[in-house]
Amino acid sequence: MQRLSARALREHLDHAATPPLLLDVREPWEYDIVHLPGSHLCPLARLPEHAETLDPQAEIVLICHHGIRSRQAGLWLEHQGFSRLINLEGGIDAWAREVDPTLPVYG
C-alpha cells in the first residue's frame, strides 16, 4: 500500500489519467461534517460486505480522519488481493489543514 501526504495526493489526483476511487471509511456522522467531493462512504465495519463490489485492479484512495482506520482498511484489502491502494496519511484532517483550509476540521 502506498502512503501519500495530503499535498502529494493532491498532486497525484491532479495528474491521474483515470481518477481513482476515493473510499472514505469513517462513520456517516463524520462524513456529514466533511468529505472530499466525489468520495464514497463505506464505514470500516462494513468494508468486508462492500469489498466484493470493488474492482481489485482499480486504484483506490483510502480516507479516514487521521489515517489510522484507512491504513487498517488498506491492510485488509491487500489480504483480499487489492494491489493499487493509497492511504491518505493524516486523513481528511491533514487535507483540510494542508490542501483545502475552507473545509471544516473536527475533534
Protein backbone atom coordinates (compact mmCIF):
# COMPACT_ATOMS: atom_id res chain seq x y z
CA MET A 1 0.00 0.00 0.00
CA GLN A 2 1.30 3.37 -0.99
CA ARG A 3 1.15 6.20 1.56
CA LEU A 4 0.77 9.78 0.38
CA SER A 5 0.65 13.04 2.28
CA ALA A 6 -2.28 15.33 1.59
CA ARG A 7 -0.19 17.53 -0.69
CA ALA A 8 1.27 14.56 -2.56
CA LEU A 9 -2.20 13.08 -3.02
CA ARG A 10 -3.49 16.41 -4.38
CA GLU A 11 -0.67 16.33 -6.94
CA HIS A 12 -1.41 12.70 -7.77
CA LEU A 13 -5.13 13.41 -8.27
CA ASP A 14 -4.37 16.43 -10.45
CA HIS A 15 -2.31 14.28 -12.84
CA ALA A 16 -4.15 10.94 -12.74
CA ALA A 17 -5.19 9.76 -16.20
CA THR A 18 -8.08 7.88 -14.59
CA PRO A 19 -9.48 9.22 -11.35
CA PRO A 20 -9.10 6.71 -8.52
CA LEU A 21 -11.95 5.61 -6.28
CA LEU A 22 -11.95 7.75 -3.14
CA LEU A 23 -13.15 5.42 -0.39
CA ASP A 24 -13.91 7.07 2.95
CA VAL A 25 -14.02 4.53 5.79
CA ARG A 26 -15.26 6.87 8.53
CA GLU A 27 -18.68 6.82 10.15
CA PRO A 28 -21.64 8.61 8.50
CA TRP A 29 -21.70 11.40 11.11
CA GLU A 30 -18.03 12.16 10.33
CA TYR A 31 -18.64 12.09 6.59
CA ASP A 32 -21.54 14.52 7.08
CA ILE A 33 -19.17 17.02 8.71
CA VAL A 34 -16.57 16.95 5.94
CA HIS A 35 -15.61 14.79 2.99
CA LEU A 36 -13.80 15.05 -0.31
CA PRO A 37 -16.04 15.72 -3.30
CA GLY A 38 -16.66 12.52 -5.22
CA SER A 39 -15.71 10.27 -2.32
CA HIS A 40 -17.77 7.22 -1.41
CA LEU A 41 -18.64 6.38 2.18
CA CYS A 42 -18.02 2.84 3.41
CA PRO A 43 -17.58 2.65 7.19
CA LEU A 44 -14.72 0.38 8.17
CA ALA A 45 -17.04 -2.13 9.86
CA ARG A 46 -18.96 -2.57 6.59
CA LEU A 47 -15.88 -2.93 4.37
CA PRO A 48 -16.00 -6.75 4.18
CA GLU A 49 -19.50 -6.73 2.71
CA HIS A 50 -18.71 -3.77 0.42
CA ALA A 51 -15.37 -5.15 -0.83
CA GLU A 52 -16.98 -7.61 -3.20
CA THR A 53 -18.42 -4.66 -5.15
CA LEU A 54 -14.95 -3.12 -5.64
CA ASP A 55 -12.59 -3.78 -8.53
CA PRO A 56 -9.37 -5.31 -7.13
CA GLN A 57 -7.45 -3.83 -10.09
CA ALA A 58 -8.71 -0.27 -9.60
CA GLU A 59 -6.70 2.40 -7.86
CA ILE A 60 -8.33 3.12 -4.51
CA VAL A 61 -7.54 6.02 -2.18
CA LEU A 62 -8.47 5.23 1.42
CA ILE A 63 -9.54 8.11 3.63
CA CYS A 64 -10.40 8.48 7.30
CA HIS A 65 -9.98 11.14 9.98
CA HIS A 66 -6.24 10.82 10.69
CA GLY A 67 -5.11 7.90 8.50
CA ILE A 68 -5.32 5.07 11.03
CA ARG A 69 -8.62 3.41 10.06
CA SER A 70 -7.81 3.87 6.38
CA ARG A 71 -4.49 2.09 6.93
CA GLN A 72 -6.35 -0.79 8.60
CA ALA A 73 -8.75 -0.89 5.65
CA GLY A 74 -5.83 -0.96 3.23
CA LEU A 75 -4.09 -3.80 5.04
CA TRP A 76 -7.31 -5.82 4.98
CA LEU A 77 -7.90 -5.07 1.30
CA GLU A 78 -4.32 -6.13 0.49
CA HIS A 79 -5.06 -9.51 2.06
CA GLN A 80 -8.09 -9.72 -0.24
CA GLY A 81 -5.94 -9.24 -3.34
CA PHE A 82 -6.22 -5.48 -3.90
CA SER A 83 -2.90 -4.07 -5.05
CA ARG A 84 -3.39 -0.43 -6.08
CA LEU A 85 -4.12 1.12 -2.71
CA ILE A 86 -3.18 4.56 -1.45
CA ASN A 87 -3.59 5.63 2.17
CA LEU A 88 -4.10 9.36 2.77
CA GLU A 89 -1.58 9.99 5.55
CA GLY A 90 -3.08 12.27 8.17
CA GLY A 91 -6.54 11.70 6.73
CA ILE A 92 -9.16 14.30 5.97
CA ASP A 93 -7.77 16.35 8.85
CA ALA A 94 -4.44 16.79 7.03
CA TRP A 95 -6.27 17.51 3.78
CA ALA A 96 -8.28 20.29 5.42
CA ARG A 97 -5.20 21.77 7.09
CA GLU A 98 -2.73 21.46 4.19
CA VAL A 99 -4.72 21.42 0.95
CA ASP A 100 -8.14 22.99 1.44
CA PRO A 101 -8.40 25.19 4.55
CA THR A 102 -12.01 26.03 3.66
CA LEU A 103 -13.00 22.54 4.85
CA PRO A 104 -14.02 22.12 8.48
CA VAL A 105 -11.93 20.13 10.95
CA TYR A 106 -13.36 18.23 13.88
CA GLY A 107 -12.02 16.81 17.11
